């Protein structure tokens, strides 16, 4: 999306893989921050250091894998994809719980219908 706004072309070669792994790590950290915020455990210092360290570790693992001729990019991508889906599932559960609680409160606040027999 940023490339579309900045009007740059695709990143080719191994730098594209490094950028993709870094984006996955960043997305994982952002979704983890949202999840911890919903759980009431969010701390800004943990989020910032986690974001920086996740991106750097993912980048370095992909880079080391290229240097020793082992495709660690796939392993890193699978781990971050699993974490992303776990975070999304937790966020979805929080959203559904909040929605059902809202519906229950709305239903409880609604006045009971009166019938002709009660009049």
PDB file of N, CA and C in Angstrom:
ATOM      1  N   UNK A   1       0.827  -1.168   0.000  1.00  0.00           N
ATOM      2  CA  UNK A   1       0.000   0.000   0.000  1.00  0.00           C
ATOM      3  C   UNK A   1       0.883   1.248   0.000  1.00  0.00           C
ATOM      4  N   UNK A   2       1.957   1.211   0.771  1.00  0.00           N
ATOM      5  CA  UNK A   2       2.867   2.345   0.807  1.00  0.00           C
ATOM      6  C   UNK A   2       3.518   2.562  -0.554  1.00  0.00           C
ATOM      7  N   UNK A   3       3.840   1.474  -1.245  1.00  0.00           N
ATOM      8  CA  UNK A   3       4.440   1.590  -2.570  1.00  0.00           C
ATOM      9  C   UNK A   3       3.471   2.259  -3.545  1.00  0.00           C
ATOM     10  N   UNK A   4       2.183   2.021  -3.389  1.00  0.00           N
ATOM     11  CA  UNK A   4       1.179   2.649  -4.249  1.00  0.00           C
ATOM     12  C   UNK A   4       1.112   4.148  -3.989  1.00  0.00           C
ATOM     13  N   UNK A   5       1.188   4.534  -2.725  1.00  0.00           N
ATOM     14  CA  UNK A   5       1.125   5.951  -2.376  1.00  0.00           C
ATOM     15  C   UNK A   5       2.382   6.670  -2.840  1.00  0.00           C
ATOM     16  N   UNK A   6       3.543   6.046  -2.637  1.00  0.00           N
ATOM     17  CA  UNK A   6       4.810   6.656  -2.995  1.00  0.00           C
ATOM     18  C   UNK A   6       5.093   6.522  -4.491  1.00  0.00           C
ATOM     19  N   UNK A   7       4.356   5.690  -5.160  1.00  0.00           N
ATOM     20  CA  UNK A   7       4.481   5.442  -6.600  1.00  0.00           C
ATOM     21  C   UNK A   7       5.832   4.818  -6.958  1.00  0.00           C
ATOM     22  N   UNK A   8       6.214   3.796  -6.195  1.00  0.00           N
ATOM     23  CA  UNK A   8       7.423   3.055  -6.512  1.00  0.00           C
ATOM     24  C   UNK A   8       7.031   1.716  -7.106  1.00  0.00           C
ATOM     25  N   UNK A   9       7.967   1.124  -7.793  1.00  0.00           N
ATOM     26  CA  UNK A   9       7.717  -0.179  -8.382  1.00  0.00           C
ATOM     27  C   UNK A   9       7.936  -1.283  -7.367  1.00  0.00           C
ATOM     28  N   UNK A  10       7.748  -2.521  -7.788  1.00  0.00           N
ATOM     29  CA  UNK A  10       7.968  -3.639  -6.870  1.00  0.00           C
ATOM     30  C   UNK A  10       9.450  -3.767  -6.505  1.00  0.00           C
ATOM     31  N   UNK A  11       9.694  -4.277  -5.327  1.00  0.00           N
ATOM     32  CA  UNK A  11      11.056  -4.523  -4.864  1.00  0.00           C
ATOM     33  C   UNK A  11      11.447  -5.906  -5.363  1.00  0.00           C
ATOM     34  N   UNK A  12      12.491  -5.964  -6.140  1.00  0.00           N
ATOM     35  CA  UNK A  12      12.864  -7.225  -6.780  1.00  0.00           C
ATOM     36  C   UNK A  12      13.958  -7.939  -5.997  1.00  0.00           C
ATOM     37  N   UNK A  13      14.067  -9.228  -6.271  1.00  0.00           N
ATOM     38  CA  UNK A  13      15.153 -10.029  -5.735  1.00  0.00           C
ATOM     39  C   UNK A  13      15.042 -10.308  -4.258  1.00  0.00           C
ATOM     40  N   UNK A  14      16.211 -10.509  -3.634  1.00  0.00           N
ATOM     41  CA  UNK A  14      16.225 -10.885  -2.225  1.00  0.00           C
ATOM     42  C   UNK A  14      15.782  -9.739  -1.326  1.00  0.00           C
ATOM     43  N   UNK A  15      15.935  -8.492  -1.765  1.00  0.00           N
ATOM     44  CA  UNK A  15      15.456  -7.378  -0.944  1.00  0.00           C
ATOM     45  C   UNK A  15      13.942  -7.408  -0.812  1.00  0.00           C
ATOM     46  N   UNK A  16      13.267  -7.917  -1.817  1.00  0.00           N
ATOM     47  CA  UNK A  16      11.822  -8.076  -1.738  1.00  0.00           C
ATOM     48  C   UNK A  16      11.427  -9.080  -0.663  1.00  0.00           C
ATOM     49  N   UNK A  17      12.200 -10.157  -0.557  1.00  0.00           N
ATOM     50  CA  UNK A  17      11.938 -11.143   0.497  1.00  0.00           C
ATOM     51  C   UNK A  17      12.173 -10.547   1.872  1.00  0.00           C
ATOM     52  N   UNK A  18      13.234  -9.778   2.019  1.00  0.00           N
ATOM     53  CA  UNK A  18      13.519  -9.155   3.311  1.00  0.00           C
ATOM     54  C   UNK A  18      12.413  -8.172   3.686  1.00  0.00           C
ATOM     55  N   UNK A  19      11.953  -7.407   2.712  1.00  0.00           N
ATOM     56  CA  UNK A  19      10.880  -6.461   2.973  1.00  0.00           C
ATOM     57  C   UNK A  19       9.585  -7.183   3.340  1.00  0.00           C
ATOM     58  N   UNK A  20       9.300  -8.289   2.663  1.00  0.00           N
ATOM     59  CA  UNK A  20       8.087  -9.059   2.964  1.00  0.00           C
ATOM     60  C   UNK A  20       8.133  -9.631   4.379  1.00  0.00           C
ATOM     61  N   UNK A  21       9.276 -10.157   4.774  1.00  0.00           N
ATOM     62  CA  UNK A  21       9.412 -10.707   6.128  1.00  0.00           C
ATOM     63  C   UNK A  21       9.292  -9.596   7.161  1.00  0.00           C
ATOM     64  N   UNK A  22       9.893  -8.441   6.879  1.00  0.00           N
ATOM     65  CA  UNK A  22       9.775  -7.311   7.792  1.00  0.00           C
ATOM     66  C   UNK A  22       8.334  -6.836   7.928  1.00  0.00           C
ATOM     67  N   UNK A  23       7.595  -6.820   6.822  1.00  0.00           N
ATOM     68  CA  UNK A  23       6.177  -6.425   6.875  1.00  0.00           C
ATOM     69  C   UNK A  23       5.356  -7.429   7.671  1.00  0.00           C
ATOM     70  N   UNK A  24       5.625  -8.711   7.490  1.00  0.00           N
ATOM     71  CA  UNK A  24       4.914  -9.721   8.288  1.00  0.00           C
ATOM     72  C   UNK A  24       5.204  -9.547   9.777  1.00  0.00           C
ATOM     73  N   UNK A  25       6.460  -9.285  10.100  1.00  0.00           N
ATOM     74  CA  UNK A  25       6.827  -9.081  11.508  1.00  0.00           C
ATOM     75  C   UNK A  25       6.140  -7.842  12.065  1.00  0.00           C
ATOM     76  N   UNK A  26       6.090  -6.774  11.285  1.00  0.00           N
ATOM     77  CA  UNK A  26       5.416  -5.561  11.728  1.00  0.00           C
ATOM     78  C   UNK A  26       3.925  -5.769  11.920  1.00  0.00           C
ATOM     79  N   UNK A  27       3.287  -6.461  10.974  1.00  0.00           N
ATOM     80  CA  UNK A  27       1.860  -6.740  11.089  1.00  0.00           C
ATOM     81  C   UNK A  27       1.565  -7.607  12.303  1.00  0.00           C
ATOM     82  N   UNK A  28       2.418  -8.585  12.555  1.00  0.00           N
ATOM     83  CA  UNK A  28       2.259  -9.426  13.743  1.00  0.00           C
ATOM     84  C   UNK A  28       2.330  -8.586  15.010  1.00  0.00           C
ATOM     85  N   UNK A  29       3.266  -7.664  15.069  1.00  0.00           N
ATOM     86  CA  UNK A  29       3.420  -6.833  16.253  1.00  0.00           C
ATOM     87  C   UNK A  29       2.224  -5.897  16.438  1.00  0.00           C
ATOM     88  N   UNK A  30       1.744  -5.316  15.344  1.00  0.00           N
ATOM     89  CA  UNK A  30       0.595  -4.411  15.439  1.00  0.00           C
ATOM     90  C   UNK A  30      -0.645  -5.171  15.914  1.00  0.00           C
ATOM     91  N   UNK A  31      -0.888  -6.346  15.349  1.00  0.00           N
ATOM     92  CA  UNK A  31      -2.045  -7.133  15.777  1.00  0.00           C
ATOM     93  C   UNK A  31      -1.884  -7.627  17.210  1.00  0.00           C
ATOM     94  N   UNK A  32      -0.658  -7.942  17.608  1.00  0.00           N
ATOM     95  CA  UNK A  32      -0.407  -8.300  19.002  1.00  0.00           C
ATOM     96  C   UNK A  32      -0.671  -7.131  19.932  1.00  0.00           C
ATOM     97  N   UNK A  33      -0.352  -5.914  19.487  1.00  0.00           N
ATOM     98  CA  UNK A  33      -0.645  -4.724  20.277  1.00  0.00           C
ATOM     99  C   UNK A  33      -2.140  -4.484  20.417  1.00  0.00           C
ATOM    100  N   UNK A  34      -2.874  -4.690  19.323  1.00  0.00           N
ATOM    101  CA  UNK A  34      -4.332  -4.547  19.383  1.00  0.00           C
ATOM    102  C   UNK A  34      -4.911  -5.578  20.347  1.00  0.00           C
ATOM    103  N   UNK A  35      -4.443  -6.814  20.243  1.00  0.00           N
ATOM    104  CA  UNK A  35      -4.932  -7.885  21.121  1.00  0.00           C
ATOM    105  C   UNK A  35      -4.634  -7.562  22.587  1.00  0.00           C
ATOM    106  N   UNK A  36      -3.414  -7.137  22.871  1.00  0.00           N
ATOM    107  CA  UNK A  36      -3.086  -6.826  24.263  1.00  0.00           C
ATOM    108  C   UNK A  36      -3.845  -5.598  24.751  1.00  0.00           C
ATOM    109  N   UNK A  37      -4.168  -4.669  23.863  1.00  0.00           N
ATOM    110  CA  UNK A  37      -4.993  -3.530  24.242  1.00  0.00           C
ATOM    111  C   UNK A  37      -6.400  -3.969  24.607  1.00  0.00           C
ATOM    112  N   UNK A  38      -6.947  -4.895  23.850  1.00  0.00           N
ATOM    113  CA  UNK A  38      -8.279  -5.414  24.159  1.00  0.00           C
ATOM    114  C   UNK A  38      -8.281  -6.201  25.467  1.00  0.00           C
ATOM    115  N   UNK A  39      -7.162  -6.844  25.769  1.00  0.00           N
ATOM    116  CA  UNK A  39      -7.053  -7.606  27.010  1.00  0.00           C
ATOM    117  C   UNK A  39      -6.711  -6.710  28.199  1.00  0.00           C
ATOM    118  N   UNK A  40      -6.417  -5.435  27.931  1.00  0.00           N
ATOM    119  CA  UNK A  40      -6.076  -4.504  29.006  1.00  0.00           C
ATOM    120  C   UNK A  40      -4.644  -4.630  29.487  1.00  0.00           C
ATOM    121  N   UNK A  41      -3.767  -5.185  28.665  1.00  0.00           N
ATOM    122  CA  UNK A  41      -2.372  -5.394  29.076  1.00  0.00           C
ATOM    123  C   UNK A  41      -1.391  -4.602  28.220  1.00  0.00           C
ATOM    124  N   UNK A  42      -1.848  -3.645  27.423  1.00  0.00           N
ATOM    125  CA  UNK A  42      -0.969  -2.931  26.487  1.00  0.00           C
ATOM    126  C   UNK A  42      -0.009  -2.018  27.220  1.00  0.00           C
ATOM    127  N   UNK A  43       1.262  -2.111  26.813  1.00  0.00           N
ATOM    128  CA  UNK A  43       2.306  -1.204  27.306  1.00  0.00           C
ATOM    129  C   UNK A  43       3.059  -0.694  26.093  1.00  0.00           C
ATOM    130  N   UNK A  44       3.190   0.613  25.997  1.00  0.00           N
ATOM    131  CA  UNK A  44       3.804   1.234  24.832  1.00  0.00           C
ATOM    132  C   UNK A  44       5.268   0.832  24.675  1.00  0.00           C
ATOM    133  N   UNK A  45       6.014   0.758  25.775  1.00  0.00           N
ATOM    134  CA  UNK A  45       7.427   0.402  25.675  1.00  0.00           C
ATOM    135  C   UNK A  45       7.608  -1.030  25.161  1.00  0.00           C
ATOM    136  N   UNK A  46       6.752  -1.931  25.597  1.00  0.00           N
ATOM    137  CA  UNK A  46       6.821  -3.313  25.110  1.00  0.00           C
ATOM    138  C   UNK A  46       6.473  -3.363  23.629  1.00  0.00           C
ATOM    139  N   UNK A  47       5.487  -2.572  23.212  1.00  0.00           N
ATOM    140  CA  UNK A  47       5.085  -2.550  21.809  1.00  0.00           C
ATOM    141  C   UNK A  47       6.215  -2.036  20.911  1.00  0.00           C
ATOM    142  N   UNK A  48       6.824  -0.920  21.279  1.00  0.00           N
ATOM    143  CA  UNK A  48       7.887  -0.328  20.451  1.00  0.00           C
ATOM    144  C   UNK A  48       9.090  -1.255  20.366  1.00  0.00           C
ATOM    145  N   UNK A  49       9.543  -1.770  21.504  1.00  0.00           N
ATOM    146  CA  UNK A  49      10.709  -2.659  21.470  1.00  0.00           C
ATOM    147  C   UNK A  49      10.376  -3.967  20.758  1.00  0.00           C
ATOM    148  N   UNK A  50       9.149  -4.461  20.928  1.00  0.00           N
ATOM    149  CA  UNK A  50       8.740  -5.674  20.224  1.00  0.00           C
ATOM    150  C   UNK A  50       8.690  -5.470  18.728  1.00  0.00           C
ATOM    151  N   UNK A  51       8.189  -4.316  18.302  1.00  0.00           N
ATOM    152  CA  UNK A  51       8.114  -4.026  16.866  1.00  0.00           C
ATOM    153  C   UNK A  51       9.511  -4.000  16.247  1.00  0.00           C
ATOM    154  N   UNK A  52      10.397  -3.252  16.866  1.00  0.00           N
ATOM    155  CA  UNK A  52      11.762  -3.125  16.326  1.00  0.00           C
ATOM    156  C   UNK A  52      12.483  -4.465  16.347  1.00  0.00           C
ATOM    157  N   UNK A  53      12.415  -5.187  17.466  1.00  0.00           N
ATOM    158  CA  UNK A  53      13.147  -6.452  17.551  1.00  0.00           C
ATOM    159  C   UNK A  53      12.544  -7.511  16.626  1.00  0.00           C
ATOM    160  N   UNK A  54      11.213  -7.576  16.493  1.00  0.00           N
ATOM    161  CA  UNK A  54      10.608  -8.556  15.585  1.00  0.00           C
ATOM    162  C   UNK A  54      11.032  -8.319  14.143  1.00  0.00           C
ATOM    163  N   UNK A  55      11.015  -7.059  13.717  1.00  0.00           N
ATOM    164  CA  UNK A  55      11.405  -6.750  12.338  1.00  0.00           C
ATOM    165  C   UNK A  55      12.876  -7.081  12.121  1.00  0.00           C
ATOM    166  N   UNK A  56      13.730  -6.688  13.048  1.00  0.00           N
ATOM    167  CA  UNK A  56      15.162  -6.957  12.892  1.00  0.00           C
ATOM    168  C   UNK A  56      15.477  -8.452  12.923  1.00  0.00           C
ATOM    169  N   UNK A  57      14.866  -9.189  13.834  1.00  0.00           N
ATOM    170  CA  UNK A  57      15.123 -10.631  13.919  1.00  0.00           C
ATOM    171  C   UNK A  57      14.634 -11.338  12.668  1.00  0.00           C
ATOM    172  N   UNK A  58      13.459 -10.967  12.183  1.00  0.00           N
ATOM    173  CA  UNK A  58      12.937 -11.587  10.961  1.00  0.00           C
ATOM    174  C   UNK A  58      13.847 -11.283   9.773  1.00  0.00           C
ATOM    175  N   UNK A  59      14.275 -10.035   9.665  1.00  0.00           N
ATOM    176  CA  UNK A  59      15.183  -9.643   8.585  1.00  0.00           C
ATOM    177  C   UNK A  59      16.496 -10.409   8.677  1.00  0.00           C
ATOM    178  N   UNK A  60      17.059 -10.498   9.886  1.00  0.00           N
ATOM    179  CA  UNK A  60      18.341 -11.186  10.054  1.00  0.00           C
ATOM    180  C   UNK A  60      18.232 -12.694   9.789  1.00  0.00           C
ATOM    181  N   UNK A  61      17.130 -13.303  10.209  1.00  0.00           N
ATOM    182  CA  UNK A  61      16.958 -14.734   9.914  1.00  0.00           C
ATOM    183  C   UNK A  61      16.884 -14.993   8.418  1.00  0.00           C
ATOM    184  N   UNK A  62      16.157 -14.154   7.702  1.00  0.00           N
ATOM    185  CA  UNK A  62      16.076 -14.315   6.246  1.00  0.00           C
ATOM    186  C   UNK A  62      17.439 -14.068   5.600  1.00  0.00           C
ATOM    187  N   UNK A  63      18.168 -13.087   6.103  1.00  0.00           N
ATOM    188  CA  UNK A  63      19.479 -12.768   5.551  1.00  0.00           C
ATOM    189  C   UNK A  63      20.483 -13.901   5.811  1.00  0.00           C
ATOM    190  N   UNK A  64      20.504 -14.412   7.056  1.00  0.00           N
ATOM    191  CA  UNK A  64      21.405 -15.518   7.390  1.00  0.00           C
ATOM    192  C   UNK A  64      21.046 -16.748   6.571  1.00  0.00           C
ATOM    193  N   UNK A  65      19.770 -17.009   6.400  1.00  0.00           N
ATOM    194  CA  UNK A  65      19.345 -18.139   5.571  1.00  0.00           C
ATOM    195  C   UNK A  65      19.853 -18.032   4.161  1.00  0.00           C
ATOM    196  N   UNK A  66      19.842 -16.833   3.587  1.00  0.00           N
ATOM    197  CA  UNK A  66      20.391 -16.643   2.242  1.00  0.00           C
ATOM    198  C   UNK A  66      21.895 -16.900   2.218  1.00  0.00           C
ATOM    199  N   UNK A  67      22.590 -16.510   3.256  1.00  0.00           N
ATOM    200  CA  UNK A  67      24.053 -16.673   3.293  1.00  0.00           C
ATOM    201  C   UNK A  67      24.467 -18.134   3.461  1.00  0.00           C
ATOM    202  N   UNK A  68      23.674 -18.945   4.154  1.00  0.00           N
ATOM    203  CA  UNK A  68      24.041 -20.350   4.348  1.00  0.00           C
ATOM    204  C   UNK A  68      23.232 -21.272   3.428  1.00  0.00           C
ATOM    205  N   UNK A  69      22.548 -20.673   2.461  1.00  0.00           N
ATOM    206  CA  UNK A  69      21.804 -21.401   1.426  1.00  0.00           C
ATOM    207  C   UNK A  69      20.700 -22.293   1.989  1.00  0.00           C
ATOM    208  N   UNK A  70      20.030 -21.788   3.030  1.00  0.00           N
ATOM    209  CA  UNK A  70      18.846 -22.455   3.580  1.00  0.00           C
ATOM    210  C   UNK A  70      17.720 -21.431   3.516  1.00  0.00           C
ATOM    211  N   UNK A  71      16.576 -21.850   3.008  1.00  0.00           N
ATOM    212  CA  UNK A  71      15.471 -20.915   2.829  1.00  0.00           C
ATOM    213  C   UNK A  71      14.734 -20.703   4.154  1.00  0.00           C
ATOM    214  N   UNK A  72      15.320 -19.882   5.028  1.00  0.00           N
ATOM    215  CA  UNK A  72      14.681 -19.570   6.294  1.00  0.00           C
ATOM    216  C   UNK A  72      13.534 -18.588   6.118  1.00  0.00           C
ATOM    217  N   UNK A  73      13.450 -17.949   4.954  1.00  0.00           N
ATOM    218  CA  UNK A  73      12.347 -17.027   4.683  1.00  0.00           C
ATOM    219  C   UNK A  73      11.005 -17.736   4.846  1.00  0.00           C
ATOM    220  N   UNK A  74      10.916 -18.956   4.332  1.00  0.00           N
ATOM    221  CA  UNK A  74       9.660 -19.707   4.421  1.00  0.00           C
ATOM    222  C   UNK A  74       9.315 -20.025   5.869  1.00  0.00           C
ATOM    223  N   UNK A  75      10.300 -20.419   6.640  1.00  0.00           N
ATOM    224  CA  UNK A  75      10.051 -20.731   8.057  1.00  0.00           C
ATOM    225  C   UNK A  75       9.598 -19.485   8.818  1.00  0.00           C
ATOM    226  N   UNK A  76      10.269 -18.366   8.573  1.00  0.00           N
ATOM    227  CA  UNK A  76       9.910 -17.124   9.246  1.00  0.00           C
ATOM    228  C   UNK A  76       8.501 -16.701   8.833  1.00  0.00           C
ATOM    229  N   UNK A  77       8.204 -16.795   7.544  1.00  0.00           N
ATOM    230  CA  UNK A  77       6.878 -16.412   7.056  1.00  0.00           C
ATOM    231  C   UNK A  77       5.789 -17.295   7.663  1.00  0.00           C
ATOM    232  N   UNK A  78       6.044 -18.593   7.781  1.00  0.00           N
ATOM    233  CA  UNK A  78       5.050 -19.492   8.376  1.00  0.00           C
ATOM    234  C   UNK A  78       4.811 -19.184   9.853  1.00  0.00           C
ATOM    235  N   UNK A  79       5.871 -18.907  10.582  1.00  0.00           N
ATOM    236  CA  UNK A  79       5.721 -18.598  12.008  1.00  0.00           C
ATOM    237  C   UNK A  79       4.930 -17.306  12.184  1.00  0.00           C
ATOM    238  N   UNK A  80       5.283 -16.279  11.427  1.00  0.00           N
ATOM    239  CA  UNK A  80       4.554 -15.016  11.566  1.00  0.00           C
ATOM    240  C   UNK A  80       3.119 -15.139  11.075  1.00  0.00           C
ATOM    241  N   UNK A  81       2.880 -15.913  10.036  1.00  0.00           N
ATOM    242  CA  UNK A  81       1.508 -16.123   9.561  1.00  0.00           C
ATOM    243  C   UNK A  81       0.674 -16.815  10.636  1.00  0.00           C
ATOM    244  N   UNK A  82       1.250 -17.795  11.299  1.00  0.00           N
ATOM    245  CA  UNK A  82       0.532 -18.481  12.372  1.00  0.00           C
ATOM    246  C   UNK A  82       0.207 -17.512  13.510  1.00  0.00           C
ATOM    247  N   UNK A  83       1.174 -16.682  13.881  1.00  0.00           N
ATOM    248  CA  UNK A  83       0.949 -15.710  14.952  1.00  0.00           C
ATOM    249  C   UNK A  83      -0.097 -14.679  14.551  1.00  0.00           C
ATOM    250  N   UNK A  84      -0.073 -14.245  13.289  1.00  0.00           N
ATOM    251  CA  UNK A  84      -1.053 -13.280  12.796  1.00  0.00           C
ATOM    252  C   UNK A  84      -2.455 -13.862  12.876  1.00  0.00           C
ATOM    253  N   UNK A  85      -2.627 -15.105  12.429  1.00  0.00           N
ATOM    254  CA  UNK A  85      -3.955 -15.726  12.479  1.00  0.00           C
ATOM    255  C   UNK A  85      -4.419 -15.947  13.915  1.00  0.00           C
ATOM    256  N   UNK A  86      -3.510 -16.286  14.822  1.00  0.00           N
ATOM    257  CA  UNK A  86      -3.884 -16.430  16.240  1.00  0.00           C
ATOM    258  C   UNK A  86      -4.336 -15.095  16.830  1.00  0.00           C
ATOM    259  N   UNK A  87      -3.592 -14.030  16.523  1.00  0.00           N
ATOM    260  CA  UNK A  87      -3.984 -12.706  17.009  1.00  0.00           C
ATOM    261  C   UNK A  87      -5.333 -12.284  16.421  1.00  0.00           C
ATOM    262  N   UNK A  88      -5.537 -12.535  15.125  1.00  0.00           N
ATOM    263  CA  UNK A  88      -6.819 -12.188  14.504  1.00  0.00           C
ATOM    264  C   UNK A  88      -7.968 -12.977  15.114  1.00  0.00           C
ATOM    265  N   UNK A  89      -7.741 -14.233  15.442  1.00  0.00           N
ATOM    266  CA  UNK A  89      -8.794 -15.038  16.067  1.00  0.00           C
ATOM    267  C   UNK A  89      -9.150 -14.485  17.441  1.00  0.00           C
ATOM    268  N   UNK A  90      -8.162 -14.070  18.206  1.00  0.00           N
ATOM    269  CA  UNK A  90      -8.424 -13.496  19.528  1.00  0.00           C
ATOM    270  C   UNK A  90      -9.158 -12.170  19.401  1.00  0.00           C
ATOM    271  N   UNK A  91      -8.748 -11.325  18.456  1.00  0.00           N
ATOM    272  CA  UNK A  91      -9.422 -10.047  18.231  1.00  0.00           C
ATOM    273  C   UNK A  91     -10.867 -10.287  17.800  1.00  0.00           C
ATOM    274  N   UNK A  92     -11.087 -11.261  16.940  1.00  0.00           N
ATOM    275  CA  UNK A  92     -12.443 -11.597  16.492  1.00  0.00           C
ATOM    276  C   UNK A  92     -13.306 -12.035  17.667  1.00  0.00           C
ATOM    277  N   UNK A  93     -12.760 -12.863  18.549  1.00  0.00           N
ATOM    278  CA  UNK A  93     -13.522 -13.301  19.722  1.00  0.00           C
ATOM    279  C   UNK A  93     -13.890 -12.123  20.616  1.00  0.00           C
ATOM    280  N   UNK A  94     -12.960 -11.191  20.820  1.00  0.00           N
ATOM    281  CA  UNK A  94     -13.267 -10.005  21.608  1.00  0.00           C
ATOM    282  C   UNK A  94     -14.368  -9.185  20.941  1.00  0.00           C
ATOM    283  N   UNK A  95     -14.277  -9.027  19.622  1.00  0.00           N
ATOM    284  CA  UNK A  95     -15.290  -8.245  18.907  1.00  0.00           C
ATOM    285  C   UNK A  95     -16.654  -8.916  18.987  1.00  0.00           C
ATOM    286  N   UNK A  96     -16.700 -10.220  18.804  1.00  0.00           N
ATOM    287  CA  UNK A  96     -17.982 -10.925  18.886  1.00  0.00           C
ATOM    288  C   UNK A  96     -18.565 -10.872  20.292  1.00  0.00           C
ATOM    289  N   UNK A  97     -17.734 -10.992  21.302  1.00  0.00           N
ATOM    290  CA  UNK A  97     -18.204 -10.898  22.682  1.00  0.00           C
ATOM    291  C   UNK A  97     -18.752  -9.503  22.964  1.00  0.00           C
ATOM    292  N   UNK A  98     -18.041  -8.483  22.503  1.00  0.00           N
ATOM    293  CA  UNK A  98     -18.517  -7.111  22.701  1.00  0.00           C
ATOM    294  C   UNK A  98     -19.839  -6.889  21.978  1.00  0.00           C
ATOM    295  N   UNK A  99     -19.984  -7.439  20.779  1.00  0.00           N
ATOM    296  CA  UNK A  99     -21.222  -7.283  20.018  1.00  0.00           C
ATOM    297  C   UNK A  99     -22.394  -7.998  20.697  1.00  0.00           C
ATOM    298  N   UNK A 100     -22.172  -9.225  21.153  1.00  0.00           N
ATOM    299  CA  UNK A 100     -23.270  -9.947  21.815  1.00  0.00           C
ATOM    300  C   UNK A 100     -23.636  -9.289  23.148  1.00  0.00           C
ATOM    301  N   UNK A 101     -22.641  -8.756  23.866  1.00  0.00           N
ATOM    302  CA  UNK A 101     -22.941  -8.020  25.101  1.00  0.00           C
ATOM    303  C   UNK A 101     -23.749  -6.760  24.802  1.00  0.00           C
ATOM    304  N   UNK A 102     -23.392  -6.063  23.734  1.00  0.00           N
ATOM    305  CA  UNK A 102     -24.131  -4.871  23.323  1.00  0.00           C
ATOM    306  C   UNK A 102     -25.573  -5.231  22.974  1.00  0.00           C
ATOM    307  N   UNK A 103     -25.753  -6.314  22.223  1.00  0.00           N
ATOM    308  CA  UNK A 103     -27.106  -6.749  21.858  1.00  0.00           C
ATOM    309  C   UNK A 103     -27.912  -7.111  23.100  1.00  0.00           C
ATOM    310  N   UNK A 104     -27.312  -7.786  24.063  1.00  0.00           N
ATOM    311  CA  UNK A 104     -28.014  -8.165  25.293  1.00  0.00           C
ATOM    312  C   UNK A 104     -28.404  -6.932  26.101  1.00  0.00           C
ATOM    313  N   UNK A 105     -27.491  -5.945  26.212  1.00  0.00           N
ATOM    314  CA  UNK A 105     -27.815  -4.711  26.932  1.00  0.00           C
ATOM    315  C   UNK A 105     -28.925  -3.945  26.227  1.00  0.00           C
ATOM    316  N   UNK A 106     -28.873  -3.919  24.920  1.00  0.00           N
ATOM    317  CA  UNK A 106     -29.908  -3.226  24.146  1.00  0.00           C
ATOM    318  C   UNK A 106     -31.263  -3.903  24.316  1.00  0.00           C
ATOM    319  N   UNK A 107     -31.258  -5.230  24.317  1.00  0.00           N
ATOM    320  CA  UNK A 107     -32.496  -5.991  24.499  1.00  0.00           C
ATOM    321  C   UNK A 107     -33.050  -5.782  25.912  1.00  0.00           C
ATOM    322  N   UNK A 108     -32.177  -5.729  26.913  1.00  0.00           N
ATOM    323  CA  UNK A 108     -32.617  -5.538  28.292  1.00  0.00           C
ATOM    324  C   UNK A 108     -33.153  -4.131  28.519  1.00  0.00           C
ATOM    325  N   UNK A 109     -32.619  -3.142  27.806  1.00  0.00           N
ATOM    326  CA  UNK A 109     -33.048  -1.760  27.972  1.00  0.00           C
ATOM    327  C   UNK A 109     -34.357  -1.469  27.244  1.00  0.00           C
ATOM    328  N   UNK A 110     -34.721  -2.309  26.308  1.00  0.00           N
ATOM    329  CA  UNK A 110     -35.951  -2.109  25.552  1.00  0.00           C
ATOM    330  C   UNK A 110     -37.149  -2.386  26.465  1.00  0.00           C
ATOM    331  N   UNK A 111     -38.145  -1.490  26.465  1.00  0.00           N
ATOM    332  CA  UNK A 111     -39.318  -1.722  27.330  1.00  0.00           C
ATOM    333  C   UNK A 111     -40.102  -2.941  26.849  1.00  0.00           C
ATOM    334  N   UNK A 112     -40.691  -3.606  27.805  1.00  0.00           N
ATOM    335  CA  UNK A 112     -41.478  -4.796  27.487  1.00  0.00           C
ATOM    336  C   UNK A 112     -42.725  -4.386  26.713  1.00  0.00           C
ATOM    337  N   UNK A 113     -43.074  -5.150  25.690  1.00  0.00           N
ATOM    338  CA  UNK A 113     -44.260  -4.787  24.900  1.00  0.00           C
ATOM    339  C   UNK A 113     -45.533  -4.983  25.748  1.00  0.00           C
ATOM    340  N   UNK A 114     -46.428  -4.073  25.600  1.00  0.00           N
ATOM    341  CA  UNK A 114     -47.708  -4.194  26.308  1.00  0.00           C
ATOM    342  C   UNK A 114     -48.723  -4.848  25.404  1.00  0.00           C
ATOM    343  N   UNK A 115     -49.589  -5.626  26.003  1.00  0.00           N
ATOM    344  CA  UNK A 115     -50.627  -6.306  25.229  1.00  0.00           C
ATOM    345  C   UNK A 115     -51.972  -5.665  25.527  1.00  0.00           C
ATOM    346  N   UNK A 116     -52.962  -5.967  24.737  1.00  0.00           N
ATOM    347  CA  UNK A 116     -54.309  -5.405  24.915  1.00  0.00           C
ATOM    348  C   UNK A 116     -54.956  -5.924  26.181  1.00  0.00           C
ATOM    349  N   UNK A 117     -54.570  -7.096  26.647  1.00  0.00           N
ATOM    350  CA  UNK A 117     -55.173  -7.676  27.850  1.00  0.00           C
ATOM    351  C   UNK A 117     -54.776  -6.927  29.103  1.00  0.00           C
ATOM    352  N   UNK A 118     -53.559  -6.336  29.137  1.00  0.00           N
ATOM    353  CA  UNK A 118     -53.089  -5.625  30.307  1.00  0.00           C
ATOM    354  C   UNK A 118     -53.767  -4.275  30.475  1.00  0.00           C
ATOM    355  N   UNK A 119     -54.309  -3.709  29.429  1.00  0.00           N
ATOM    356  CA  UNK A 119     -54.914  -2.371  29.493  1.00  0.00           C
ATOM    357  C   UNK A 119     -56.221  -2.324  30.205  1.00  0.00           C
TER     358      UNK A 119
END
